[in-house]
Amino acid sequence: MKKVLVGILFMGVSFLVFLLGLMKFIPVLIGSILLFLSIFFTVLSFSERKRFKGLKT
């Protein structure tokens, strides 16, 4: 659950950086790469599932 909260927070921050890029304060490329990576890792943490690791004897 912590990974999801960190991912959503990082997505919000990277969206603000992307908006700064659209306003020409920073390069748009940096903002778009950060936004893509934050969305990617957030979706990756959502799709992560528990796997069966075998019986412990």
PDB file of N, CA and C in Angstrom:
ATOM      1  N   MET A   1       0.817  -1.194   0.000  1.00  0.00           N
ATOM      2  CA  MET A   1       0.000   0.000   0.000  1.00  0.00           C
ATOM      3  C   MET A   1       0.862   1.259   0.000  1.00  0.00           C
ATOM      4  N   LYS A   2       2.028   1.172   0.657  1.00  0.00           N
ATOM      5  CA  LYS A   2       2.904   2.337   0.677  1.00  0.00           C
ATOM      6  C   LYS A   2       3.415   2.678  -0.719  1.00  0.00           C
ATOM      7  N   LYS A   3       3.689   1.635  -1.523  1.00  0.00           N
ATOM      8  CA  LYS A   3       4.181   1.879  -2.880  1.00  0.00           C
ATOM      9  C   LYS A   3       3.160   2.659  -3.696  1.00  0.00           C
ATOM     10  N   VAL A   4       1.885   2.335  -3.494  1.00  0.00           N
ATOM     11  CA  VAL A   4       0.826   3.001  -4.253  1.00  0.00           C
ATOM     12  C   VAL A   4       0.731   4.462  -3.844  1.00  0.00           C
ATOM     13  N   LEU A   5       0.801   4.747  -2.544  1.00  0.00           N
ATOM     14  CA  LEU A   5       0.721   6.130  -2.079  1.00  0.00           C
ATOM     15  C   LEU A   5       1.915   6.953  -2.555  1.00  0.00           C
ATOM     16  N   VAL A   6       3.091   6.362  -2.511  1.00  0.00           N
ATOM     17  CA  VAL A   6       4.283   7.058  -3.003  1.00  0.00           C
ATOM     18  C   VAL A   6       4.167   7.296  -4.506  1.00  0.00           C
ATOM     19  N   GLY A   7       3.643   6.313  -5.228  1.00  0.00           N
ATOM     20  CA  GLY A   7       3.472   6.465  -6.673  1.00  0.00           C
ATOM     21  C   GLY A   7       2.484   7.559  -7.025  1.00  0.00           C
ATOM     22  N   ILE A   8       1.378   7.639  -6.284  1.00  0.00           N
ATOM     23  CA  ILE A   8       0.385   8.683  -6.549  1.00  0.00           C
ATOM     24  C   ILE A   8       0.951  10.055  -6.206  1.00  0.00           C
ATOM     25  N   LEU A   9       1.704  10.148  -5.114  1.00  0.00           N
ATOM     26  CA  LEU A   9       2.338  11.416  -4.755  1.00  0.00           C
ATOM     27  C   LEU A   9       3.356  11.830  -5.812  1.00  0.00           C
ATOM     28  N   PHE A  10       4.169  10.882  -6.279  1.00  0.00           N
ATOM     29  CA  PHE A  10       5.157  11.166  -7.315  1.00  0.00           C
ATOM     30  C   PHE A  10       4.482  11.560  -8.627  1.00  0.00           C
ATOM     31  N   MET A  11       3.324  10.959  -8.905  1.00  0.00           N
ATOM     32  CA  MET A  11       2.586  11.308 -10.112  1.00  0.00           C
ATOM     33  C   MET A  11       2.077  12.749 -10.033  1.00  0.00           C
ATOM     34  N   GLY A  12       1.610  13.159  -8.865  1.00  0.00           N
ATOM     35  CA  GLY A  12       1.148  14.536  -8.696  1.00  0.00           C
ATOM     36  C   GLY A  12       2.274  15.540  -8.853  1.00  0.00           C
ATOM     37  N   VAL A  13       3.422  15.238  -8.262  1.00  0.00           N
ATOM     38  CA  VAL A  13       4.573  16.135  -8.369  1.00  0.00           C
ATOM     39  C   VAL A  13       5.063  16.214  -9.812  1.00  0.00           C
ATOM     40  N   SER A  14       5.116  15.087 -10.484  1.00  0.00           N
ATOM     41  CA  SER A  14       5.588  15.100 -11.871  1.00  0.00           C
ATOM     42  C   SER A  14       4.582  15.788 -12.792  1.00  0.00           C
ATOM     43  N   PHE A  15       3.288  15.732 -12.448  1.00  0.00           N
ATOM     44  CA  PHE A  15       2.300  16.469 -13.235  1.00  0.00           C
ATOM     45  C   PHE A  15       2.512  17.974 -13.085  1.00  0.00           C
ATOM     46  N   LEU A  16       2.837  18.421 -11.870  1.00  0.00           N
ATOM     47  CA  LEU A  16       3.130  19.843 -11.675  1.00  0.00           C
ATOM     48  C   LEU A  16       4.390  20.259 -12.434  1.00  0.00           C
ATOM     49  N   VAL A  17       5.396  19.386 -12.457  1.00  0.00           N
ATOM     50  CA  VAL A  17       6.616  19.670 -13.223  1.00  0.00           C
ATOM     51  C   VAL A  17       6.294  19.735 -14.712  1.00  0.00           C
ATOM     52  N   PHE A  18       5.398  18.858 -15.174  1.00  0.00           N
ATOM     53  CA  PHE A  18       4.993  18.877 -16.576  1.00  0.00           C
ATOM     54  C   PHE A  18       4.253  20.177 -16.911  1.00  0.00           C
ATOM     55  N   LEU A  19       3.413  20.644 -15.987  1.00  0.00           N
ATOM     56  CA  LEU A  19       2.730  21.923 -16.207  1.00  0.00           C
ATOM     57  C   LEU A  19       3.724  23.079 -16.272  1.00  0.00           C
ATOM     58  N   LEU A  20       4.758  23.023 -15.443  1.00  0.00           N
ATOM     59  CA  LEU A  20       5.806  24.041 -15.531  1.00  0.00           C
ATOM     60  C   LEU A  20       6.512  23.982 -16.880  1.00  0.00           C
ATOM     61  N   GLY A  21       6.652  22.789 -17.411  1.00  0.00           N
ATOM     62  CA  GLY A  21       7.248  22.645 -18.739  1.00  0.00           C
ATOM     63  C   GLY A  21       6.364  23.230 -19.822  1.00  0.00           C
ATOM     64  N   LEU A  22       5.050  23.062 -19.676  1.00  0.00           N
ATOM     65  CA  LEU A  22       4.141  23.645 -20.660  1.00  0.00           C
ATOM     66  C   LEU A  22       4.130  25.169 -20.592  1.00  0.00           C
ATOM     67  N   MET A  23       4.446  25.712 -19.416  1.00  0.00           N
ATOM     68  CA  MET A  23       4.525  27.166 -19.266  1.00  0.00           C
ATOM     69  C   MET A  23       5.909  27.698 -19.625  1.00  0.00           C
ATOM     70  N   LYS A  24       6.765  26.827 -20.148  1.00  0.00           N
ATOM     71  CA  LYS A  24       8.109  27.173 -20.635  1.00  0.00           C
ATOM     72  C   LYS A  24       9.076  27.589 -19.524  1.00  0.00           C
ATOM     73  N   PHE A  25       8.854  27.106 -18.296  1.00  0.00           N
ATOM     74  CA  PHE A  25       9.807  27.375 -17.227  1.00  0.00           C
ATOM     75  C   PHE A  25      10.939  26.354 -17.218  1.00  0.00           C
ATOM     76  N   ILE A  26      10.621  25.128 -17.567  1.00  0.00           N
ATOM     77  CA  ILE A  26      11.614  24.060 -17.681  1.00  0.00           C
ATOM     78  C   ILE A  26      11.351  23.339 -18.998  1.00  0.00           C
ATOM     79  N   PRO A  27      12.290  22.541 -19.489  1.00  0.00           N
ATOM     80  CA  PRO A  27      12.034  21.801 -20.736  1.00  0.00           C
ATOM     81  C   PRO A  27      10.881  20.799 -20.583  1.00  0.00           C
ATOM     82  N   VAL A  28      10.042  20.722 -21.603  1.00  0.00           N
ATOM     83  CA  VAL A  28       8.889  19.821 -21.587  1.00  0.00           C
ATOM     84  C   VAL A  28       9.356  18.368 -21.569  1.00  0.00           C
ATOM     85  N   LEU A  29      10.487  18.085 -22.163  1.00  0.00           N
ATOM     86  CA  LEU A  29      11.005  16.718 -22.217  1.00  0.00           C
ATOM     87  C   LEU A  29      11.231  16.149 -20.817  1.00  0.00           C
ATOM     88  N   ILE A  30      11.783  16.950 -19.928  1.00  0.00           N
ATOM     89  CA  ILE A  30      12.025  16.487 -18.556  1.00  0.00           C
ATOM     90  C   ILE A  30      10.708  16.181 -17.860  1.00  0.00           C
ATOM     91  N   GLY A  31       9.741  17.069 -17.993  1.00  0.00           N
ATOM     92  CA  GLY A  31       8.443  16.859 -17.361  1.00  0.00           C
ATOM     93  C   GLY A  31       7.705  15.665 -17.916  1.00  0.00           C
ATOM     94  N   SER A  32       7.783  15.472 -19.234  1.00  0.00           N
ATOM     95  CA  SER A  32       7.064  14.342 -19.825  1.00  0.00           C
ATOM     96  C   SER A  32       7.710  13.006 -19.453  1.00  0.00           C
ATOM     97  N   ILE A  33       9.026  12.963 -19.371  1.00  0.00           N
ATOM     98  CA  ILE A  33       9.701  11.726 -18.960  1.00  0.00           C
ATOM     99  C   ILE A  33       9.361  11.394 -17.511  1.00  0.00           C
ATOM    100  N   LEU A  34       9.378  12.392 -16.635  1.00  0.00           N
ATOM    101  CA  LEU A  34       9.019  12.151 -15.236  1.00  0.00           C
ATOM    102  C   LEU A  34       7.578  11.693 -15.097  1.00  0.00           C
ATOM    103  N   LEU A  35       6.677  12.303 -15.862  1.00  0.00           N
ATOM    104  CA  LEU A  35       5.268  11.918 -15.795  1.00  0.00           C
ATOM    105  C   LEU A  35       5.074  10.493 -16.293  1.00  0.00           C
ATOM    106  N   PHE A  36       5.742  10.134 -17.383  1.00  0.00           N
ATOM    107  CA  PHE A  36       5.631   8.773 -17.906  1.00  0.00           C
ATOM    108  C   PHE A  36       6.146   7.751 -16.903  1.00  0.00           C
ATOM    109  N   LEU A  37       7.321   8.017 -16.322  1.00  0.00           N
ATOM    110  CA  LEU A  37       7.896   7.068 -15.366  1.00  0.00           C
ATOM    111  C   LEU A  37       7.033   6.928 -14.117  1.00  0.00           C
ATOM    112  N   SER A  38       6.462   8.030 -13.653  1.00  0.00           N
ATOM    113  CA  SER A  38       5.629   7.942 -12.453  1.00  0.00           C
ATOM    114  C   SER A  38       4.354   7.159 -12.725  1.00  0.00           C
ATOM    115  N   ILE A  39       3.735   7.362 -13.881  1.00  0.00           N
ATOM    116  CA  ILE A  39       2.537   6.592 -14.225  1.00  0.00           C
ATOM    117  C   ILE A  39       2.895   5.124 -14.410  1.00  0.00           C
ATOM    118  N   PHE A  40       4.026   4.853 -15.047  1.00  0.00           N
ATOM    119  CA  PHE A  40       4.450   3.473 -15.281  1.00  0.00           C
ATOM    120  C   PHE A  40       4.663   2.723 -13.971  1.00  0.00           C
ATOM    121  N   PHE A  41       5.404   3.329 -13.043  1.00  0.00           N
ATOM    122  CA  PHE A  41       5.686   2.632 -11.791  1.00  0.00           C
ATOM    123  C   PHE A  41       4.462   2.538 -10.889  1.00  0.00           C
ATOM    124  N   THR A  42       3.538   3.497 -10.981  1.00  0.00           N
ATOM    125  CA  THR A  42       2.305   3.399 -10.204  1.00  0.00           C
ATOM    126  C   THR A  42       1.436   2.263 -10.719  1.00  0.00           C
ATOM    127  N   VAL A  43       1.302   2.154 -12.035  1.00  0.00           N
ATOM    128  CA  VAL A  43       0.523   1.050 -12.610  1.00  0.00           C
ATOM    129  C   VAL A  43       1.207  -0.280 -12.327  1.00  0.00           C
ATOM    130  N   LEU A  44       2.524  -0.299 -12.360  1.00  0.00           N
ATOM    131  CA  LEU A  44       3.267  -1.520 -12.052  1.00  0.00           C
ATOM    132  C   LEU A  44       3.024  -1.963 -10.609  1.00  0.00           C
ATOM    133  N   SER A  45       2.951  -1.014  -9.693  1.00  0.00           N
ATOM    134  CA  SER A  45       2.695  -1.393  -8.300  1.00  0.00           C
ATOM    135  C   SER A  45       1.250  -1.844  -8.105  1.00  0.00           C
ATOM    136  N   PHE A  46       0.307  -1.324  -8.910  1.00  0.00           N
ATOM    137  CA  PHE A  46      -1.070  -1.799  -8.842  1.00  0.00           C
ATOM    138  C   PHE A  46      -1.179  -3.237  -9.348  1.00  0.00           C
ATOM    139  N   SER A  47      -0.432  -3.556 -10.388  1.00  0.00           N
ATOM    140  CA  SER A  47      -0.563  -4.870 -11.010  1.00  0.00           C
ATOM    141  C   SER A  47       0.297  -5.938 -10.337  1.00  0.00           C
ATOM    142  N   GLU A  48       1.107  -5.544  -9.373  1.00  0.00           N
ATOM    143  CA  GLU A  48       1.945  -6.503  -8.664  1.00  0.00           C
ATOM    144  C   GLU A  48       1.054  -7.423  -7.832  1.00  0.00           C
ATOM    145  N   ARG A  49       1.298  -8.713  -7.929  1.00  0.00           N
ATOM    146  CA  ARG A  49       0.441  -9.653  -7.201  1.00  0.00           C
ATOM    147  C   ARG A  49       1.294 -10.586  -6.367  1.00  0.00           C
ATOM    148  N   LYS A  50       0.671 -11.147  -5.382  1.00  0.00           N
ATOM    149  CA  LYS A  50       1.359 -12.112  -4.525  1.00  0.00           C
ATOM    150  C   LYS A  50       1.527 -13.415  -5.295  1.00  0.00           C
ATOM    151  N   ARG A  51       2.684 -14.008  -5.198  1.00  0.00           N
ATOM    152  CA  ARG A  51       2.948 -15.258  -5.904  1.00  0.00           C
ATOM    153  C   ARG A  51       3.161 -16.376  -4.900  1.00  0.00           C
ATOM    154  N   PHE A  52       2.772 -17.559  -5.305  1.00  0.00           N
ATOM    155  CA  PHE A  52       2.972 -18.736  -4.464  1.00  0.00           C
ATOM    156  C   PHE A  52       4.431 -19.143  -4.541  1.00  0.00           C
ATOM    157  N   LYS A  53       5.101 -19.180  -3.401  1.00  0.00           N
ATOM    158  CA  LYS A  53       6.525 -19.486  -3.380  1.00  0.00           C
ATOM    159  C   LYS A  53       6.820 -20.904  -2.920  1.00  0.00           C
ATOM    160  N   GLY A  54       5.793 -21.716  -2.816  1.00  0.00           N
ATOM    161  CA  GLY A  54       6.010 -23.102  -2.429  1.00  0.00           C
ATOM    162  C   GLY A  54       5.735 -23.329  -0.949  1.00  0.00           C
ATOM    163  N   LEU A  55       5.694 -24.563  -0.602  1.00  0.00           N
ATOM    164  CA  LEU A  55       5.454 -24.932   0.786  1.00  0.00           C
ATOM    165  C   LEU A  55       6.761 -24.912   1.559  1.00  0.00           C
ATOM    166  N   LYS A  56       6.714 -24.383   2.757  1.00  0.00           N
ATOM    167  CA  LYS A  56       7.909 -24.370   3.597  1.00  0.00           C
ATOM    168  C   LYS A  56       7.893 -25.618   4.460  1.00  0.00           C
ATOM    169  N   THR A  57       8.960 -26.389   4.383  1.00  0.00           N
ATOM    170  CA  THR A  57       9.008 -27.634   5.159  1.00  0.00           C
ATOM    171  C   THR A  57      10.032 -27.554   6.265  1.00  0.00           C
TER     172      THR A  57
END
